[in-house]
């Protein structure tokens, strides 16, 4: 059950970056088109990094 202020965005999208980064699902806290716009503009934190956070975390272990 979602709180009254929550917005449910459908998640039938998988992002497959053209830079060779791993496919992933967009975050659930904002609309998909906004996430893709931020990545395209290069202002999303991992835009263009090509770093898989899970792989990076495992490297620290």
Protein backbone atom coordinates (compact mmCIF):
# COMPACT_ATOMS: atom_id res chain seq x y z
CA UNK A 1 0.00 0.00 0.00
CA UNK A 2 1.35 3.41 -0.99
CA UNK A 3 0.96 6.56 1.09
CA UNK A 4 -1.50 9.18 -0.19
CA UNK A 5 1.34 11.39 -1.44
CA UNK A 6 3.07 8.62 -3.40
CA UNK A 7 3.03 8.49 -7.17
CA UNK A 8 3.23 5.09 -8.80
CA UNK A 9 5.18 5.05 -12.07
CA UNK A 10 4.86 2.01 -14.32
CA UNK A 11 8.15 0.15 -14.71
CA UNK A 12 8.02 -1.76 -17.95
CA UNK A 13 11.30 -0.21 -19.13
CA UNK A 14 14.82 -1.60 -19.17
CA UNK A 15 17.58 0.87 -20.01
CA UNK A 16 20.24 -0.49 -22.39
CA UNK A 17 22.98 2.14 -22.65
CA UNK A 18 24.70 2.53 -26.01
CA UNK A 19 28.07 3.05 -24.29
CA UNK A 20 28.37 -0.63 -23.38
CA UNK A 21 27.33 -0.21 -19.74
CA UNK A 22 25.19 -2.94 -18.24
CA UNK A 23 21.44 -2.87 -18.87
CA UNK A 24 19.46 -1.75 -15.85
CA UNK A 25 16.08 -0.56 -14.64
CA UNK A 26 15.61 3.17 -14.12
CA UNK A 27 15.14 4.38 -10.54
CA UNK A 28 11.61 4.27 -9.20
CA UNK A 29 11.53 7.72 -7.61
CA UNK A 30 11.14 9.73 -10.83
CA UNK A 31 9.53 9.25 -14.25
CA UNK A 32 11.52 7.31 -16.81
CA UNK A 33 11.62 10.18 -19.32
CA UNK A 34 13.13 12.47 -16.68
CA UNK A 35 15.80 9.88 -15.77
CA UNK A 36 16.73 9.42 -19.43
CA UNK A 37 16.89 13.20 -19.93
CA UNK A 38 19.24 13.56 -16.95
CA UNK A 39 21.49 10.76 -18.24
CA UNK A 40 21.54 12.26 -21.73
CA UNK A 41 22.44 15.69 -20.35
CA UNK A 42 25.28 14.11 -18.34
CA UNK A 43 23.95 15.34 -15.00
CA UNK A 44 22.92 11.96 -13.62
CA UNK A 45 25.66 10.82 -11.19
CA UNK A 46 26.68 7.71 -13.16
CA UNK A 47 25.94 9.04 -16.67
CA UNK A 48 28.76 8.02 -18.93
CA UNK A 49 30.78 6.36 -16.19
CA UNK A 50 30.14 2.84 -17.43
CA UNK A 51 30.58 1.59 -13.87
CA UNK A 52 28.38 -1.16 -12.50
CA UNK A 53 27.78 -0.28 -8.81
CA UNK A 54 27.48 -3.94 -7.82
CA UNK A 55 30.76 -4.80 -9.52
CA UNK A 56 32.41 -1.78 -7.92
CA UNK A 57 31.13 -2.77 -4.47
CA UNK A 58 32.43 -6.31 -4.89
CA UNK A 59 35.85 -4.94 -5.81
CA UNK A 60 36.03 -3.30 -2.38
CA UNK A 61 35.36 -6.58 -0.56
